[in-house]
PDB file of all heavy atoms in Angstrom:
ATOM      1  N   ASN A   1     -30.992  -2.599 -23.243  1.00  0.00           N
ATOM      2  CA  ASN A   1     -29.966  -1.714 -23.768  1.00  0.00           C
ATOM      3  C   ASN A   1     -29.244  -1.000 -22.624  1.00  0.00           C
ATOM      4  O   ASN A   1     -28.082  -0.689 -22.664  1.00  0.00           O
ATOM      5  CB  ASN A   1     -30.558  -0.669 -24.734  1.00  0.00           C
ATOM      6  CG  ASN A   1     -30.742  -1.312 -26.126  1.00  0.00           C
ATOM      7  OD1 ASN A   1     -30.192  -2.386 -26.368  1.00  0.00           O
ATOM      8  ND2 ASN A   1     -31.545  -0.692 -26.930  1.00  0.00           N
ATOM      9  N   GLU A   2     -30.001  -0.676 -21.535  1.00  0.00           N
ATOM     10  CA  GLU A   2     -29.339  -0.106 -20.302  1.00  0.00           C
ATOM     11  C   GLU A   2     -28.391  -1.135 -19.749  1.00  0.00           C
ATOM     12  O   GLU A   2     -27.313  -0.787 -19.368  1.00  0.00           O
ATOM     13  CB  GLU A   2     -30.385   0.291 -19.280  1.00  0.00           C
ATOM     14  CG  GLU A   2     -31.181   1.537 -19.676  1.00  0.00           C
ATOM     15  CD  GLU A   2     -32.185   1.925 -18.653  1.00  0.00           C
ATOM     16  OE1 GLU A   2     -33.159   1.153 -18.395  1.00  0.00           O
ATOM     17  OE2 GLU A   2     -32.021   3.004 -18.005  1.00  0.00           O
ATOM     18  N   ARG A   3     -28.828  -2.366 -19.680  1.00  0.00           N
ATOM     19  CA  ARG A   3     -27.959  -3.433 -19.140  1.00  0.00           C
ATOM     20  C   ARG A   3     -26.768  -3.651 -20.059  1.00  0.00           C
ATOM     21  O   ARG A   3     -25.634  -3.782 -19.553  1.00  0.00           O
ATOM     22  CB  ARG A   3     -28.715  -4.722 -19.029  1.00  0.00           C
ATOM     23  CG  ARG A   3     -29.957  -4.697 -18.109  1.00  0.00           C
ATOM     24  CD  ARG A   3     -30.756  -5.958 -18.182  1.00  0.00           C
ATOM     25  NE  ARG A   3     -29.993  -7.155 -17.768  1.00  0.00           N
ATOM     26  CZ  ARG A   3     -30.374  -8.363 -18.045  1.00  0.00           C
ATOM     27  NH1 ARG A   3     -31.475  -8.631 -18.718  1.00  0.00           N
ATOM     28  NH2 ARG A   3     -29.630  -9.407 -17.614  1.00  0.00           N
ATOM     29  N   ARG A   4     -26.921  -3.549 -21.331  1.00  0.00           N
ATOM     30  CA  ARG A   4     -25.724  -3.693 -22.241  1.00  0.00           C
ATOM     31  C   ARG A   4     -24.830  -2.493 -22.082  1.00  0.00           C
ATOM     32  O   ARG A   4     -23.610  -2.645 -22.152  1.00  0.00           O
ATOM     33  CB  ARG A   4     -26.228  -3.849 -23.663  1.00  0.00           C
ATOM     34  CG  ARG A   4     -25.165  -4.102 -24.677  1.00  0.00           C
ATOM     35  CD  ARG A   4     -25.681  -4.310 -26.054  1.00  0.00           C
ATOM     36  NE  ARG A   4     -24.656  -4.742 -27.009  1.00  0.00           N
ATOM     37  CZ  ARG A   4     -24.658  -5.845 -27.727  1.00  0.00           C
ATOM     38  NH1 ARG A   4     -25.673  -6.606 -27.722  1.00  0.00           N
ATOM     39  NH2 ARG A   4     -23.558  -6.150 -28.553  1.00  0.00           N
ATOM     40  N   ALA A   5     -25.364  -1.259 -21.961  1.00  0.00           N
ATOM     41  CA  ALA A   5     -24.509  -0.160 -21.805  1.00  0.00           C
ATOM     42  C   ALA A   5     -23.661  -0.234 -20.464  1.00  0.00           C
ATOM     43  O   ALA A   5     -22.497   0.036 -20.446  1.00  0.00           O
ATOM     44  CB  ALA A   5     -25.296   1.124 -21.790  1.00  0.00           C
ATOM     45  N   ALA A   6     -24.358  -0.669 -19.395  1.00  0.00           N
ATOM     46  CA  ALA A   6     -23.621  -0.835 -18.110  1.00  0.00           C
ATOM     47  C   ALA A   6     -22.557  -1.883 -18.258  1.00  0.00           C
ATOM     48  O   ALA A   6     -21.473  -1.780 -17.690  1.00  0.00           O
ATOM     49  CB  ALA A   6     -24.633  -1.107 -17.017  1.00  0.00           C
ATOM     50  N   PHE A   7     -22.922  -2.984 -18.859  1.00  0.00           N
ATOM     51  CA  PHE A   7     -21.927  -4.133 -19.073  1.00  0.00           C
ATOM     52  C   PHE A   7     -20.724  -3.618 -19.823  1.00  0.00           C
ATOM     53  O   PHE A   7     -19.597  -3.937 -19.524  1.00  0.00           O
ATOM     54  CB  PHE A   7     -22.641  -5.242 -19.825  1.00  0.00           C
ATOM     55  CG  PHE A   7     -21.732  -6.413 -20.148  1.00  0.00           C
ATOM     56  CD1 PHE A   7     -21.535  -7.482 -19.249  1.00  0.00           C
ATOM     57  CD2 PHE A   7     -20.957  -6.476 -21.312  1.00  0.00           C
ATOM     58  CE1 PHE A   7     -20.743  -8.539 -19.508  1.00  0.00           C
ATOM     59  CE2 PHE A   7     -20.128  -7.500 -21.587  1.00  0.00           C
ATOM     60  CZ  PHE A   7     -20.031  -8.532 -20.717  1.00  0.00           C
ATOM     61  N   THR A   8     -20.961  -2.870 -20.884  1.00  0.00           N
ATOM     62  CA  THR A   8     -19.863  -2.358 -21.791  1.00  0.00           C
ATOM     63  C   THR A   8     -18.973  -1.466 -20.967  1.00  0.00           C
ATOM     64  O   THR A   8     -17.761  -1.493 -21.118  1.00  0.00           O
ATOM     65  CB  THR A   8     -20.505  -1.703 -23.022  1.00  0.00           C
ATOM     66  OG1 THR A   8     -21.284  -2.643 -23.724  1.00  0.00           O
ATOM     67  CG2 THR A   8     -19.344  -1.224 -23.877  1.00  0.00           C
ATOM     68  N   GLN A   9     -19.600  -0.589 -20.213  1.00  0.00           N
ATOM     69  CA  GLN A   9     -18.775   0.322 -19.414  1.00  0.00           C
ATOM     70  C   GLN A   9     -17.865  -0.406 -18.427  1.00  0.00           C
ATOM     71  O   GLN A   9     -16.659  -0.075 -18.297  1.00  0.00           O
ATOM     72  CB  GLN A   9     -19.655   1.322 -18.618  1.00  0.00           C
ATOM     73  CG  GLN A   9     -18.937   2.377 -17.744  1.00  0.00           C
ATOM     74  CD  GLN A   9     -18.072   3.283 -18.554  1.00  0.00           C
ATOM     75  OE1 GLN A   9     -18.418   3.625 -19.670  1.00  0.00           O
ATOM     76  NE2 GLN A   9     -16.964   3.728 -17.975  1.00  0.00           N
ATOM     77  N   ALA A  10     -18.432  -1.386 -17.785  1.00  0.00           N
ATOM     78  CA  ALA A  10     -17.625  -2.219 -16.843  1.00  0.00           C
ATOM     79  C   ALA A  10     -16.486  -2.959 -17.589  1.00  0.00           C
ATOM     80  O   ALA A  10     -15.348  -3.042 -17.107  1.00  0.00           O
ATOM     81  CB  ALA A  10     -18.463  -3.148 -16.031  1.00  0.00           C
ATOM     82  N   TYR A  11     -16.858  -3.476 -18.769  1.00  0.00           N
ATOM     83  CA  TYR A  11     -15.908  -4.229 -19.598  1.00  0.00           C
ATOM     84  C   TYR A  11     -14.765  -3.342 -20.004  1.00  0.00           C
ATOM     85  O   TYR A  11     -13.587  -3.740 -19.897  1.00  0.00           O
ATOM     86  CB  TYR A  11     -16.589  -4.774 -20.774  1.00  0.00           C
ATOM     87  CG  TYR A  11     -15.696  -5.586 -21.719  1.00  0.00           C
ATOM     88  CD1 TYR A  11     -15.431  -6.879 -21.501  1.00  0.00           C
ATOM     89  CD2 TYR A  11     -15.081  -4.895 -22.847  1.00  0.00           C
ATOM     90  CE1 TYR A  11     -14.550  -7.597 -22.342  1.00  0.00           C
ATOM     91  CE2 TYR A  11     -14.243  -5.586 -23.663  1.00  0.00           C
ATOM     92  CZ  TYR A  11     -13.986  -6.931 -23.467  1.00  0.00           C
ATOM     93  OH  TYR A  11     -13.151  -7.598 -24.323  1.00  0.00           O
ATOM     94  N   ASP A  12     -15.057  -2.156 -20.454  1.00  0.00           N
ATOM     95  CA  ASP A  12     -14.067  -1.185 -20.878  1.00  0.00           C
ATOM     96  C   ASP A  12     -13.105  -0.799 -19.702  1.00  0.00           C
ATOM     97  O   ASP A  12     -11.891  -0.774 -19.892  1.00  0.00           O
ATOM     98  CB  ASP A  12     -14.680   0.060 -21.494  1.00  0.00           C
ATOM     99  CG  ASP A  12     -15.286  -0.221 -22.827  1.00  0.00           C
ATOM    100  OD1 ASP A  12     -15.021  -1.268 -23.419  1.00  0.00           O
ATOM    101  OD2 ASP A  12     -16.078   0.646 -23.259  1.00  0.00           O
ATOM    102  N   GLU A  13     -13.706  -0.655 -18.537  1.00  0.00           N
ATOM    103  CA  GLU A  13     -12.879  -0.325 -17.378  1.00  0.00           C
ATOM    104  C   GLU A  13     -11.946  -1.500 -17.048  1.00  0.00           C
ATOM    105  O   GLU A  13     -10.817  -1.373 -16.638  1.00  0.00           O
ATOM    106  CB  GLU A  13     -13.751   0.053 -16.212  1.00  0.00           C
ATOM    107  CG  GLU A  13     -14.513   1.398 -16.359  1.00  0.00           C
ATOM    108  CD  GLU A  13     -15.446   1.734 -15.364  1.00  0.00           C
ATOM    109  OE1 GLU A  13     -15.442   1.032 -14.229  1.00  0.00           O
ATOM    110  OE2 GLU A  13     -16.210   2.653 -15.463  1.00  0.00           O
ATOM    111  N   GLU A  14     -12.526  -2.725 -17.142  1.00  0.00           N
ATOM    112  CA  GLU A  14     -11.746  -3.899 -16.821  1.00  0.00           C
ATOM    113  C   GLU A  14     -10.580  -4.098 -17.792  1.00  0.00           C
ATOM    114  O   GLU A  14      -9.446  -4.393 -17.433  1.00  0.00           O
ATOM    115  CB  GLU A  14     -12.661  -5.132 -16.904  1.00  0.00           C
ATOM    116  CG  GLU A  14     -11.900  -6.459 -16.545  1.00  0.00           C
ATOM    117  CD  GLU A  14     -11.549  -6.516 -15.120  1.00  0.00           C
ATOM    118  OE1 GLU A  14     -12.180  -5.812 -14.185  1.00  0.00           O
ATOM    119  OE2 GLU A  14     -10.645  -7.293 -14.769  1.00  0.00           O
ATOM    120  N   GLN A  15     -10.803  -3.843 -19.057  1.00  0.00           N
ATOM    121  CA  GLN A  15      -9.718  -3.980 -20.080  1.00  0.00           C
ATOM    122  C   GLN A  15      -8.681  -2.910 -19.871  1.00  0.00           C
ATOM    123  O   GLN A  15      -7.425  -3.152 -20.000  1.00  0.00           O
ATOM    124  CB  GLN A  15     -10.269  -3.732 -21.487  1.00  0.00           C
ATOM    125  CG  GLN A  15     -11.241  -4.889 -21.915  1.00  0.00           C
ATOM    126  CD  GLN A  15     -10.625  -6.303 -21.717  1.00  0.00           C
ATOM    127  OE1 GLN A  15      -9.586  -6.559 -22.233  1.00  0.00           O
ATOM    128  NE2 GLN A  15     -11.270  -7.098 -20.919  1.00  0.00           N
ATOM    129  N   ALA A  16      -9.017  -1.746 -19.438  1.00  0.00           N
ATOM    130  CA  ALA A  16      -7.989  -0.632 -19.097  1.00  0.00           C
ATOM    131  C   ALA A  16      -7.138  -1.180 -17.917  1.00  0.00           C
ATOM    132  O   ALA A  16      -5.876  -0.954 -17.920  1.00  0.00           O
ATOM    133  CB  ALA A  16      -8.657   0.639 -18.786  1.00  0.00           C
ATOM    134  N   TRP A  17      -7.740  -1.723 -16.943  1.00  0.00           N
ATOM    135  CA  TRP A  17      -7.009  -2.270 -15.825  1.00  0.00           C
ATOM    136  C   TRP A  17      -6.111  -3.343 -16.197  1.00  0.00           C
ATOM    137  O   TRP A  17      -4.939  -3.453 -15.783  1.00  0.00           O
ATOM    138  CB  TRP A  17      -7.976  -2.753 -14.649  1.00  0.00           C
ATOM    139  CG  TRP A  17      -7.267  -3.367 -13.509  1.00  0.00           C
ATOM    140  CD1 TRP A  17      -6.629  -2.739 -12.449  1.00  0.00           C
ATOM    141  CD2 TRP A  17      -7.002  -4.792 -13.317  1.00  0.00           C
ATOM    142  NE1 TRP A  17      -6.002  -3.682 -11.629  1.00  0.00           N
ATOM    143  CE2 TRP A  17      -6.275  -4.909 -12.163  1.00  0.00           C
ATOM    144  CE3 TRP A  17      -7.351  -5.934 -14.082  1.00  0.00           C
ATOM    145  CZ2 TRP A  17      -5.816  -6.166 -11.666  1.00  0.00           C
ATOM    146  CZ3 TRP A  17      -6.954  -7.152 -13.594  1.00  0.00           C
ATOM    147  CH2 TRP A  17      -6.186  -7.289 -12.439  1.00  0.00           C
ATOM    148  N   ARG A  18      -6.567  -4.246 -17.053  1.00  0.00           N
ATOM    149  CA  ARG A  18      -5.769  -5.419 -17.480  1.00  0.00           C
ATOM    150  C   ARG A  18      -4.567  -4.941 -18.251  1.00  0.00           C
ATOM    151  O   ARG A  18      -3.421  -5.508 -18.039  1.00  0.00           O
ATOM    152  CB  ARG A  18      -6.596  -6.310 -18.299  1.00  0.00           C
ATOM    153  CG  ARG A  18      -7.657  -7.113 -17.602  1.00  0.00           C
ATOM    154  CD  ARG A  18      -8.207  -8.164 -18.562  1.00  0.00           C
ATOM    155  NE  ARG A  18      -9.426  -8.763 -17.991  1.00  0.00           N
ATOM    156  CZ  ARG A  18     -10.019  -9.776 -18.563  1.00  0.00           C
ATOM    157  NH1 ARG A  18      -9.633 -10.232 -19.681  1.00  0.00           N
ATOM    158  NH2 ARG A  18     -11.128 -10.281 -17.990  1.00  0.00           N
ATOM    159  N   THR A  19      -4.712  -3.953 -19.065  1.00  0.00           N
ATOM    160  CA  THR A  19      -3.570  -3.442 -19.862  1.00  0.00           C
ATOM    161  C   THR A  19      -2.474  -2.913 -19.022  1.00  0.00           C
ATOM    162  O   THR A  19      -1.311  -3.206 -19.194  1.00  0.00           O
ATOM    163  CB  THR A  19      -4.018  -2.304 -20.869  1.00  0.00           C
ATOM    164  OG1 THR A  19      -5.044  -2.897 -21.727  1.00  0.00           O
ATOM    165  CG2 THR A  19      -2.895  -1.782 -21.661  1.00  0.00           C
ATOM    166  N   GLN A  20      -2.890  -2.182 -17.966  1.00  0.00           N
ATOM    167  CA  GLN A  20      -1.927  -1.653 -16.993  1.00  0.00           C
ATOM    168  C   GLN A  20      -1.238  -2.669 -16.232  1.00  0.00           C
ATOM    169  O   GLN A  20      -0.007  -2.705 -16.093  1.00  0.00           O
ATOM    170  CB  GLN A  20      -2.668  -0.654 -16.112  1.00  0.00           C
ATOM    171  CG  GLN A  20      -1.696  -0.002 -15.137  1.00  0.00           C
ATOM    172  CD  GLN A  20      -2.482   0.952 -14.114  1.00  0.00           C
ATOM    173  OE1 GLN A  20      -3.655   0.883 -14.021  1.00  0.00           O
ATOM    174  NE2 GLN A  20      -1.734   1.822 -13.466  1.00  0.00           N
ATOM    175  N   VAL A  21      -1.985  -3.661 -15.716  1.00  0.00           N
ATOM    176  CA  VAL A  21      -1.424  -4.632 -14.765  1.00  0.00           C
ATOM    177  C   VAL A  21      -0.555  -5.681 -15.575  1.00  0.00           C
ATOM    178  O   VAL A  21       0.552  -6.120 -15.052  1.00  0.00           O
ATOM    179  CB  VAL A  21      -2.514  -5.432 -14.034  1.00  0.00           C
ATOM    180  CG1 VAL A  21      -3.217  -6.478 -14.811  1.00  0.00           C
ATOM    181  CG2 VAL A  21      -1.913  -5.990 -12.731  1.00  0.00           C
ATOM    182  N   VAL A  22      -0.893  -5.935 -16.792  1.00  0.00           N
ATOM    183  CA  VAL A  22      -0.007  -6.822 -17.635  1.00  0.00           C
ATOM    184  C   VAL A  22       1.327  -6.141 -17.945  1.00  0.00           C
ATOM    185  O   VAL A  22       2.328  -6.778 -17.945  1.00  0.00           O
ATOM    186  CB  VAL A  22      -0.781  -7.238 -18.914  1.00  0.00           C
ATOM    187  CG1 VAL A  22       0.165  -7.882 -19.869  1.00  0.00           C
ATOM    188  CG2 VAL A  22      -1.887  -8.197 -18.571  1.00  0.00           C
ATOM    189  N   ALA A  23       1.228  -4.874 -18.190  1.00  0.00           N
ATOM    190  CA  ALA A  23       2.527  -4.136 -18.475  1.00  0.00           C
ATOM    191  C   ALA A  23       3.421  -4.226 -17.278  1.00  0.00           C
ATOM    192  O   ALA A  23       4.682  -4.408 -17.380  1.00  0.00           O
ATOM    193  CB  ALA A  23       2.265  -2.693 -18.902  1.00  0.00           C
ATOM    194  N   GLN A  24       2.828  -3.990 -16.076  1.00  0.00           N
ATOM    195  CA  GLN A  24       3.551  -4.042 -14.811  1.00  0.00           C
ATOM    196  C   GLN A  24       4.137  -5.441 -14.611  1.00  0.00           C
ATOM    197  O   GLN A  24       5.203  -5.693 -14.144  1.00  0.00           O
ATOM    198  CB  GLN A  24       2.714  -3.579 -13.718  1.00  0.00           C
ATOM    199  CG  GLN A  24       2.290  -2.150 -13.783  1.00  0.00           C
ATOM    200  CD  GLN A  24       1.302  -1.768 -12.759  1.00  0.00           C
ATOM    201  OE1 GLN A  24       0.693  -2.583 -12.104  1.00  0.00           O
ATOM    202  NE2 GLN A  24       1.095  -0.439 -12.520  1.00  0.00           N
ATOM    203  N   ALA A  25       3.339  -6.481 -14.931  1.00  0.00           N
ATOM    204  CA  ALA A  25       3.702  -7.815 -14.773  1.00  0.00           C
ATOM    205  C   ALA A  25       4.902  -8.175 -15.601  1.00  0.00           C
ATOM    206  O   ALA A  25       5.852  -8.896 -15.168  1.00  0.00           O
ATOM    207  CB  ALA A  25       2.599  -8.805 -15.047  1.00  0.00           C
ATOM    208  N   MET A  26       4.901  -7.716 -16.860  1.00  0.00           N
ATOM    209  CA  MET A  26       6.031  -7.977 -17.771  1.00  0.00           C
ATOM    210  C   MET A  26       7.296  -7.345 -17.284  1.00  0.00           C
ATOM    211  O   MET A  26       8.369  -7.921 -17.379  1.00  0.00           O
ATOM    212  CB  MET A  26       5.708  -7.542 -19.164  1.00  0.00           C
ATOM    213  CG  MET A  26       4.568  -8.332 -19.825  1.00  0.00           C
ATOM    214  SD  MET A  26       4.906 -10.064 -19.921  1.00  0.00           S
ATOM    215  CE  MET A  26       6.443 -10.147 -20.879  1.00  0.00           C
ATOM    216  N   GLN A  27       7.191  -6.175 -16.771  1.00  0.00           N
ATOM    217  CA  GLN A  27       8.356  -5.519 -16.230  1.00  0.00           C
ATOM    218  C   GLN A  27       8.892  -6.256 -15.002  1.00  0.00           C
ATOM    219  O   GLN A  27      10.150  -6.458 -14.889  1.00  0.00           O
ATOM    220  CB  GLN A  27       8.080  -4.041 -15.844  1.00  0.00           C
ATOM    221  CG  GLN A  27       9.242  -3.251 -15.302  1.00  0.00           C
ATOM    222  CD  GLN A  27       8.894  -1.835 -15.001  1.00  0.00           C
ATOM    223  OE1 GLN A  27       7.738  -1.391 -14.931  1.00  0.00           O
ATOM    224  NE2 GLN A  27       9.869  -1.003 -14.707  1.00  0.00           N
ATOM    225  N   GLU A  28       8.013  -6.649 -14.151  1.00  0.00           N
ATOM    226  CA  GLU A  28       8.397  -7.441 -12.906  1.00  0.00           C
ATOM    227  C   GLU A  28       9.118  -8.735 -13.351  1.00  0.00           C
ATOM    228  O   GLU A  28      10.231  -9.078 -12.803  1.00  0.00           O
ATOM    229  CB  GLU A  28       7.212  -7.772 -12.105  1.00  0.00           C
ATOM    230  CG  GLU A  28       7.530  -8.564 -10.806  1.00  0.00           C
ATOM    231  CD  GLU A  28       6.347  -9.051 -10.137  1.00  0.00           C
ATOM    232  OE1 GLU A  28       5.202  -8.950 -10.649  1.00  0.00           O
ATOM    233  OE2 GLU A  28       6.456  -9.553  -8.952  1.00  0.00           O
ATOM    234  N   TYR A  29       8.502  -9.468 -14.322  1.00  0.00           N
ATOM    235  CA  TYR A  29       9.137 -10.719 -14.725  1.00  0.00           C
ATOM    236  C   TYR A  29      10.436 -10.549 -15.365  1.00  0.00           C
ATOM    237  O   TYR A  29      11.445 -11.224 -15.033  1.00  0.00           O
ATOM    238  CB  TYR A  29       8.180 -11.423 -15.713  1.00  0.00           C
ATOM    239  CG  TYR A  29       8.702 -12.661 -16.296  1.00  0.00           C
ATOM    240  CD1 TYR A  29       8.726 -13.894 -15.539  1.00  0.00           C
ATOM    241  CD2 TYR A  29       9.284 -12.669 -17.586  1.00  0.00           C
ATOM    242  CE1 TYR A  29       9.232 -15.056 -16.070  1.00  0.00           C
ATOM    243  CE2 TYR A  29       9.751 -13.844 -18.094  1.00  0.00           C
ATOM    244  CZ  TYR A  29       9.771 -15.045 -17.372  1.00  0.00           C
ATOM    245  OH  TYR A  29      10.307 -16.201 -17.888  1.00  0.00           O
ATOM    246  N   ASN A  30      10.571  -9.537 -16.271  1.00  0.00           N
ATOM    247  CA  ASN A  30      11.781  -9.316 -17.001  1.00  0.00           C
ATOM    248  C   ASN A  30      12.917  -8.876 -16.059  1.00  0.00           C
ATOM    249  O   ASN A  30      14.039  -9.036 -16.321  1.00  0.00           O
ATOM    250  CB  ASN A  30      11.600  -8.345 -18.110  1.00  0.00           C
ATOM    251  CG  ASN A  30      10.779  -8.904 -19.254  1.00  0.00           C
ATOM    252  OD1 ASN A  30      10.804 -10.083 -19.500  1.00  0.00           O
ATOM    253  ND2 ASN A  30      10.036  -8.024 -19.924  1.00  0.00           N
ATOM    254  N   THR A  31      12.566  -8.156 -14.942  1.00  0.00           N
ATOM    255  CA  THR A  31      13.550  -7.606 -14.042  1.00  0.00           C
ATOM    256  C   THR A  31      13.888  -8.616 -12.996  1.00  0.00           C
ATOM    257  O   THR A  31      15.108  -8.661 -12.638  1.00  0.00           O
ATOM    258  CB  THR A  31      12.876  -6.353 -13.336  1.00  0.00           C
ATOM    259  OG1 THR A  31      12.591  -5.392 -14.402  1.00  0.00           O
ATOM    260  CG2 THR A  31      13.967  -5.731 -12.445  1.00  0.00           C
ATOM    261  N   THR A  32      12.990  -9.383 -12.466  1.00  0.00           N
ATOM    262  CA  THR A  32      13.226 -10.168 -11.196  1.00  0.00           C
ATOM    263  C   THR A  32      13.012 -11.704 -11.451  1.00  0.00           C
ATOM    264  O   THR A  32      13.393 -12.475 -10.642  1.00  0.00           O
ATOM    265  CB  THR A  32      12.284  -9.800 -10.061  1.00  0.00           C
ATOM    266  OG1 THR A  32      10.936 -10.079 -10.387  1.00  0.00           O
ATOM    267  CG2 THR A  32      12.391  -8.221  -9.841  1.00  0.00           C
ATOM    268  N   GLY A  33      12.325 -12.037 -12.567  1.00  0.00           N
ATOM    269  CA  GLY A  33      11.955 -13.403 -12.759  1.00  0.00           C
ATOM    270  C   GLY A  33      10.781 -13.882 -12.048  1.00  0.00           C
ATOM    271  O   GLY A  33      10.365 -14.995 -12.056  1.00  0.00           O
TER     272      GLY A  33
END
């Protein structure tokens, strides 16, 4: 359960990073191609 909690925390942080970077990627693509 400690391993699962640590995994979940890392996963949540990764998803937050992905959400941000994908939004930036879409803006870059739509602006510059």
